[in-house]
Amino acid sequence: MSDSSITKHALANSMKELMLERPLSKINIGDIVERCNLSRKSFYYHFKDKYDLVNWIYYTEFVSNFQRGSDIFGWGLLENICDFFYENKVFYCNALQVRGQNSFYDYFGEILSPIIEIHFKNIFENAEYRGFYVTFFTDAIRTSITRWLLEGAEILPKEYVELMKSAVTGVAVQIVKDMNEP
């Protein structure tokens, strides 16, 4: 592991520990670097702010693993995302509570959007407003997962995704029925 990677992981571990203790809004760069005995300069060499660090943690621990050959897509991928959030519930509840510039909430949407676009490519192939549909489903899935997590994730991930799938399928079936009625 390179020195840069070691430093990034030390900062990430520090952030993860701190986010188990207090809200992200109450953590500053000084807290992060003090916990892992690094300097502020080291932090800013690798990350632009604490939100960038949170996003890097998600990318490193989940997204990069998915990109390295995972053939799971669609509902299976959503279940993997929910499993990952469920296993790291405190951290991601904390991360998803912050909104605004550089927030994990926005970053999560940026990660979901191209996945949704690829998944729905054939459905909206010739759609004039494909961007609208991708944004609509990205926002719906991100908001739903966020709410599920922030409300305590009392439903297990597999069951939760099945409920999402049932809701989407039910709406689609009703739309088809409505279209075929005179």
C-alpha atoms as a PDB file:
ATOM      1  CA  MET A   1       0.000   0.000   0.000  1.00  0.00           C
ATOM      2  CA  SER A   2       1.440   3.396  -0.977  1.00  0.00           C
ATOM      3  CA  ASP A   3       2.054   6.153   1.565  1.00  0.00           C
ATOM      4  CA  SER A   4      -0.821   8.123   0.025  1.00  0.00           C
ATOM      5  CA  SER A   5      -3.167   5.186   0.425  1.00  0.00           C
ATOM      6  CA  ILE A   6      -2.041   4.608   4.016  1.00  0.00           C
ATOM      7  CA  THR A   7      -2.702   8.269   4.832  1.00  0.00           C
ATOM      8  CA  LYS A   8      -6.140   8.224   3.198  1.00  0.00           C
ATOM      9  CA  HIS A   9      -7.102   5.064   5.065  1.00  0.00           C
ATOM     10  CA  ALA A  10      -5.872   6.513   8.373  1.00  0.00           C
ATOM     11  CA  LEU A  11      -8.034   9.615   7.799  1.00  0.00           C
ATOM     12  CA  ALA A  12     -10.976   7.413   6.789  1.00  0.00           C
ATOM     13  CA  ASN A  13     -10.674   5.248   9.902  1.00  0.00           C
ATOM     14  CA  SER A  14     -10.491   8.362  12.043  1.00  0.00           C
ATOM     15  CA  MET A  15     -13.631   9.770  10.391  1.00  0.00           C
ATOM     16  CA  LYS A  16     -15.498   6.476  10.775  1.00  0.00           C
ATOM     17  CA  GLU A  17     -14.653   6.330  14.484  1.00  0.00           C
ATOM     18  CA  LEU A  18     -15.707   9.937  15.025  1.00  0.00           C
ATOM     19  CA  MET A  19     -18.991   9.435  13.161  1.00  0.00           C
ATOM     20  CA  LEU A  20     -19.855   6.616  15.550  1.00  0.00           C
ATOM     21  CA  GLU A  21     -19.523   9.108  18.410  1.00  0.00           C
ATOM     22  CA  ARG A  22     -21.120  12.301  17.087  1.00  0.00           C
ATOM     23  CA  PRO A  23     -22.919  13.892  14.148  1.00  0.00           C
ATOM     24  CA  LEU A  24     -20.935  14.776  11.048  1.00  0.00           C
ATOM     25  CA  SER A  25     -21.877  18.425  11.555  1.00  0.00           C
ATOM     26  CA  LYS A  26     -19.992  18.393  14.885  1.00  0.00           C
ATOM     27  CA  ILE A  27     -16.787  16.938  13.411  1.00  0.00           C
ATOM     28  CA  ASN A  28     -14.095  19.251  12.099  1.00  0.00           C
ATOM     29  CA  ILE A  29     -10.843  18.644  10.275  1.00  0.00           C
ATOM     30  CA  GLY A  30      -8.887  19.165  13.483  1.00  0.00           C
ATOM     31  CA  ASP A  31     -10.805  16.307  15.144  1.00  0.00           C
ATOM     32  CA  ILE A  32     -10.075  13.981  12.231  1.00  0.00           C
ATOM     33  CA  VAL A  33      -6.333  14.655  12.015  1.00  0.00           C
ATOM     34  CA  GLU A  34      -5.857  14.683  15.784  1.00  0.00           C
ATOM     35  CA  ARG A  35      -7.405  11.222  16.082  1.00  0.00           C
ATOM     36  CA  CYS A  36      -4.914   9.721  13.592  1.00  0.00           C
ATOM     37  CA  ASN A  37      -1.907  11.934  14.448  1.00  0.00           C
ATOM     38  CA  LEU A  38      -1.692  13.615  11.051  1.00  0.00           C
ATOM     39  CA  SER A  39      -1.525  17.273  10.074  1.00  0.00           C
ATOM     40  CA  ARG A  40      -4.228  19.441   8.525  1.00  0.00           C
ATOM     41  CA  LYS A  41      -1.875  19.822   5.570  1.00  0.00           C
ATOM     42  CA  SER A  42      -1.940  16.041   5.059  1.00  0.00           C
ATOM     43  CA  PHE A  43      -5.726  16.084   5.133  1.00  0.00           C
ATOM     44  CA  TYR A  44      -6.046  18.863   2.564  1.00  0.00           C
ATOM     45  CA  TYR A  45      -3.440  17.238   0.343  1.00  0.00           C
ATOM     46  CA  HIS A  46      -5.837  14.291  -0.105  1.00  0.00           C
ATOM     47  CA  PHE A  47      -9.333  15.708   0.427  1.00  0.00           C
ATOM     48  CA  LYS A  48     -10.984  19.070  -0.178  1.00  0.00           C
ATOM     49  CA  ASP A  49     -13.229  18.785   2.913  1.00  0.00           C
ATOM     50  CA  LYS A  50     -14.762  16.279   5.331  1.00  0.00           C
ATOM     51  CA  TYR A  51     -17.596  15.544   2.892  1.00  0.00           C
ATOM     52  CA  ASP A  52     -15.081  14.582   0.232  1.00  0.00           C
ATOM     53  CA  LEU A  53     -13.600  12.135   2.752  1.00  0.00           C
ATOM     54  CA  VAL A  54     -17.035  10.596   3.472  1.00  0.00           C
ATOM     55  CA  ASN A  55     -17.648  10.231  -0.267  1.00  0.00           C
ATOM     56  CA  TRP A  56     -14.219   8.622  -0.714  1.00  0.00           C
ATOM     57  CA  ILE A  57     -15.030   6.124   2.039  1.00  0.00           C
ATOM     58  CA  TYR A  58     -18.220   5.065   0.231  1.00  0.00           C
ATOM     59  CA  TYR A  59     -16.447   4.897  -3.108  1.00  0.00           C
ATOM     60  CA  THR A  60     -13.562   2.870  -1.712  1.00  0.00           C
ATOM     61  CA  GLU A  61     -15.590   0.488   0.416  1.00  0.00           C
ATOM     62  CA  PHE A  62     -18.553  -0.094  -1.896  1.00  0.00           C
ATOM     63  CA  VAL A  63     -18.490   1.448  -5.366  1.00  0.00           C
ATOM     64  CA  SER A  64     -15.003   0.320  -6.384  1.00  0.00           C
ATOM     65  CA  ASN A  65     -15.821  -3.241  -5.317  1.00  0.00           C
ATOM     66  CA  PHE A  66     -18.980  -3.129  -7.412  1.00  0.00           C
ATOM     67  CA  GLN A  67     -17.063  -1.805 -10.413  1.00  0.00           C
ATOM     68  CA  ARG A  68     -14.458  -4.572 -10.177  1.00  0.00           C
ATOM     69  CA  GLY A  69     -16.437  -7.209 -11.972  1.00  0.00           C
ATOM     70  CA  SER A  70     -19.728  -7.381 -10.150  1.00  0.00           C
ATOM     71  CA  ASP A  71     -22.424  -8.769 -12.389  1.00  0.00           C
ATOM     72  CA  ILE A  72     -25.161  -7.865  -9.949  1.00  0.00           C
ATOM     73  CA  PHE A  73     -27.424  -5.219 -11.352  1.00  0.00           C
ATOM     74  CA  GLY A  74     -30.929  -3.858 -10.896  1.00  0.00           C
ATOM     75  CA  TRP A  75     -32.704  -5.094  -7.791  1.00  0.00           C
ATOM     76  CA  GLY A  76     -29.707  -7.178  -6.742  1.00  0.00           C
ATOM     77  CA  LEU A  77     -27.516  -4.090  -6.739  1.00  0.00           C
ATOM     78  CA  LEU A  78     -30.099  -2.161  -4.706  1.00  0.00           C
ATOM     79  CA  GLU A  79     -30.137  -5.007  -2.208  1.00  0.00           C
ATOM     80  CA  ASN A  80     -26.325  -4.879  -2.000  1.00  0.00           C
ATOM     81  CA  ILE A  81     -26.465  -1.113  -1.405  1.00  0.00           C
ATOM     82  CA  CYS A  82     -29.071  -1.572   1.329  1.00  0.00           C
ATOM     83  CA  ASP A  83     -27.065  -4.434   2.889  1.00  0.00           C
ATOM     84  CA  PHE A  84     -23.963  -2.225   2.932  1.00  0.00           C
ATOM     85  CA  PHE A  85     -25.826   0.703   4.498  1.00  0.00           C
ATOM     86  CA  TYR A  86     -27.484  -1.632   7.009  1.00  0.00           C
ATOM     87  CA  GLU A  87     -24.118  -3.095   8.066  1.00  0.00           C
ATOM     88  CA  ASN A  88     -22.733   0.449   8.450  1.00  0.00           C
ATOM     89  CA  LYS A  89     -25.982   1.985   9.690  1.00  0.00           C
ATOM     90  CA  VAL A  90     -24.626   4.531  12.160  1.00  0.00           C
ATOM     91  CA  PHE A  91     -22.051   5.893   9.730  1.00  0.00           C
ATOM     92  CA  TYR A  92     -24.457   6.250   6.791  1.00  0.00           C
ATOM     93  CA  CYS A  93     -27.348   7.571   8.877  1.00  0.00           C
ATOM     94  CA  ASN A  94     -24.946  10.228  10.025  1.00  0.00           C
ATOM     95  CA  ALA A  95     -23.690  10.900   6.486  1.00  0.00           C
ATOM     96  CA  LEU A  96     -27.186  11.080   4.948  1.00  0.00           C
ATOM     97  CA  GLN A  97     -28.435  13.635   7.476  1.00  0.00           C
ATOM     98  CA  VAL A  98     -26.280  16.340   5.918  1.00  0.00           C
ATOM     99  CA  ARG A  99     -27.604  18.033   2.785  1.00  0.00           C
ATOM    100  CA  GLY A 100     -26.053  20.636   0.544  1.00  0.00           C
ATOM    101  CA  GLN A 101     -22.815  21.195  -1.286  1.00  0.00           C
ATOM    102  CA  ASN A 102     -20.521  18.139  -1.365  1.00  0.00           C
ATOM    103  CA  SER A 103     -22.930  16.156   0.839  1.00  0.00           C
ATOM    104  CA  PHE A 104     -23.014  12.389   0.757  1.00  0.00           C
ATOM    105  CA  TYR A 105     -26.730  12.611  -0.103  1.00  0.00           C
ATOM    106  CA  ASP A 106     -25.848  14.395  -3.353  1.00  0.00           C
ATOM    107  CA  TYR A 107     -22.904  12.094  -4.014  1.00  0.00           C
ATOM    108  CA  PHE A 108     -25.104   9.023  -3.540  1.00  0.00           C
ATOM    109  CA  GLY A 109     -27.443  10.445  -6.195  1.00  0.00           C
ATOM    110  CA  GLU A 110     -24.483  11.013  -8.542  1.00  0.00           C
ATOM    111  CA  ILE A 111     -23.492   7.360  -8.107  1.00  0.00           C
ATOM    112  CA  LEU A 112     -27.055   6.060  -8.606  1.00  0.00           C
ATOM    113  CA  SER A 113     -27.913   8.148 -11.655  1.00  0.00           C
ATOM    114  CA  PRO A 114     -25.680   6.440 -14.267  1.00  0.00           C
ATOM    115  CA  ILE A 115     -26.622   3.025 -12.880  1.00  0.00           C
ATOM    116  CA  ILE A 116     -30.297   3.847 -13.306  1.00  0.00           C
ATOM    117  CA  GLU A 117     -29.672   5.287 -16.749  1.00  0.00           C
ATOM    118  CA  ILE A 118     -27.981   2.069 -17.882  1.00  0.00           C
ATOM    119  CA  HIS A 119     -30.657  -0.108 -16.278  1.00  0.00           C
ATOM    120  CA  PHE A 120     -33.515   1.796 -17.923  1.00  0.00           C
ATOM    121  CA  LYS A 121     -31.700   2.379 -21.217  1.00  0.00           C
ATOM    122  CA  ASN A 122     -34.010   0.103 -23.196  1.00  0.00           C
ATOM    123  CA  ILE A 123     -37.183   1.291 -21.492  1.00  0.00           C
ATOM    124  CA  PHE A 124     -36.520   4.964 -22.239  1.00  0.00           C
ATOM    125  CA  GLU A 125     -34.474   4.384 -25.390  1.00  0.00           C
ATOM    126  CA  ASN A 126     -36.338   6.845 -27.593  1.00  0.00           C
ATOM    127  CA  ALA A 127     -37.799   8.982 -24.846  1.00  0.00           C
ATOM    128  CA  GLU A 128     -37.462  12.697 -25.460  1.00  0.00           C
ATOM    129  CA  TYR A 129     -37.259  13.296 -21.698  1.00  0.00           C
ATOM    130  CA  ARG A 130     -34.976  10.410 -20.701  1.00  0.00           C
ATOM    131  CA  GLY A 131     -33.011  12.725 -18.399  1.00  0.00           C
ATOM    132  CA  PHE A 132     -36.213  13.531 -16.522  1.00  0.00           C
ATOM    133  CA  TYR A 133     -36.996   9.839 -16.013  1.00  0.00           C
ATOM    134  CA  VAL A 134     -33.476   9.055 -14.812  1.00  0.00           C
ATOM    135  CA  THR A 135     -33.593  11.963 -12.354  1.00  0.00           C
ATOM    136  CA  PHE A 136     -37.075  10.945 -11.196  1.00  0.00           C
ATOM    137  CA  PHE A 137     -36.060   7.350 -10.423  1.00  0.00           C
ATOM    138  CA  THR A 138     -32.709   8.406  -8.942  1.00  0.00           C
ATOM    139  CA  ASP A 139     -34.462  10.793  -6.554  1.00  0.00           C
ATOM    140  CA  ALA A 140     -37.167   8.246  -5.708  1.00  0.00           C
ATOM    141  CA  ILE A 141     -34.701   5.461  -4.895  1.00  0.00           C
ATOM    142  CA  ARG A 142     -32.266   7.716  -3.036  1.00  0.00           C
ATOM    143  CA  THR A 143     -35.059   9.300  -0.979  1.00  0.00           C
ATOM    144  CA  SER A 144     -36.637   5.947  -0.211  1.00  0.00           C
ATOM    145  CA  ILE A 145     -33.362   4.363   0.913  1.00  0.00           C
ATOM    146  CA  THR A 146     -32.479   7.451   2.939  1.00  0.00           C
ATOM    147  CA  ARG A 147     -35.832   7.444   4.711  1.00  0.00           C
ATOM    148  CA  TRP A 148     -35.602   3.702   5.402  1.00  0.00           C
ATOM    149  CA  LEU A 149     -32.157   4.129   6.933  1.00  0.00           C
ATOM    150  CA  LEU A 150     -32.872   7.299   8.922  1.00  0.00           C
ATOM    151  CA  GLU A 151     -36.053   5.788  10.345  1.00  0.00           C
ATOM    152  CA  GLY A 152     -34.046   2.928  11.832  1.00  0.00           C
ATOM    153  CA  ALA A 153     -33.996   0.377   8.988  1.00  0.00           C
ATOM    154  CA  GLU A 154     -36.341  -1.866  10.938  1.00  0.00           C
ATOM    155  CA  ILE A 155     -37.105  -3.900   7.819  1.00  0.00           C
ATOM    156  CA  LEU A 156     -34.189  -6.092   6.729  1.00  0.00           C
ATOM    157  CA  PRO A 157     -32.565  -5.036   3.440  1.00  0.00           C
ATOM    158  CA  LYS A 158     -33.807  -8.027   1.403  1.00  0.00           C
ATOM    159  CA  GLU A 159     -37.401  -7.487   2.534  1.00  0.00           C
ATOM    160  CA  TYR A 160     -37.124  -3.729   2.029  1.00  0.00           C
ATOM    161  CA  VAL A 161     -35.952  -4.134  -1.571  1.00  0.00           C
ATOM    162  CA  GLU A 162     -38.735  -6.646  -2.189  1.00  0.00           C
ATOM    163  CA  LEU A 163     -41.228  -4.032  -0.964  1.00  0.00           C
ATOM    164  CA  MET A 164     -39.700  -1.421  -3.294  1.00  0.00           C
ATOM    165  CA  LYS A 165     -39.872  -3.875  -6.176  1.00  0.00           C
ATOM    166  CA  SER A 166     -43.480  -4.728  -5.359  1.00  0.00           C
ATOM    167  CA  ALA A 167     -44.427  -1.039  -5.239  1.00  0.00           C
ATOM    168  CA  VAL A 168     -42.805  -0.266  -8.593  1.00  0.00           C
ATOM    169  CA  THR A 169     -44.211  -3.389 -10.244  1.00  0.00           C
ATOM    170  CA  GLY A 170     -47.686  -2.692  -8.859  1.00  0.00           C
ATOM    171  CA  VAL A 171     -47.679   0.836 -10.246  1.00  0.00           C
ATOM    172  CA  ALA A 172     -46.412  -0.378 -13.634  1.00  0.00           C
ATOM    173  CA  VAL A 173     -49.126  -3.044 -13.846  1.00  0.00           C
ATOM    174  CA  GLN A 174     -51.813  -0.493 -12.990  1.00  0.00           C
ATOM    175  CA  ILE A 175     -50.521   1.939 -15.612  1.00  0.00           C
ATOM    176  CA  VAL A 176     -50.648  -0.788 -18.278  1.00  0.00           C
ATOM    177  CA  LYS A 177     -54.197  -1.698 -17.226  1.00  0.00           C
ATOM    178  CA  ASP A 178     -55.253   1.958 -17.357  1.00  0.00           C
ATOM    179  CA  MET A 179     -53.744   2.344 -20.831  1.00  0.00           C
ATOM    180  CA  ASN A 180     -55.653  -0.666 -22.143  1.00  0.00           C
ATOM    181  CA  GLU A 181     -59.031   0.433 -20.800  1.00  0.00           C
ATOM    182  CA  PRO A 182     -61.352   2.199 -23.252  1.00  0.00           C
END
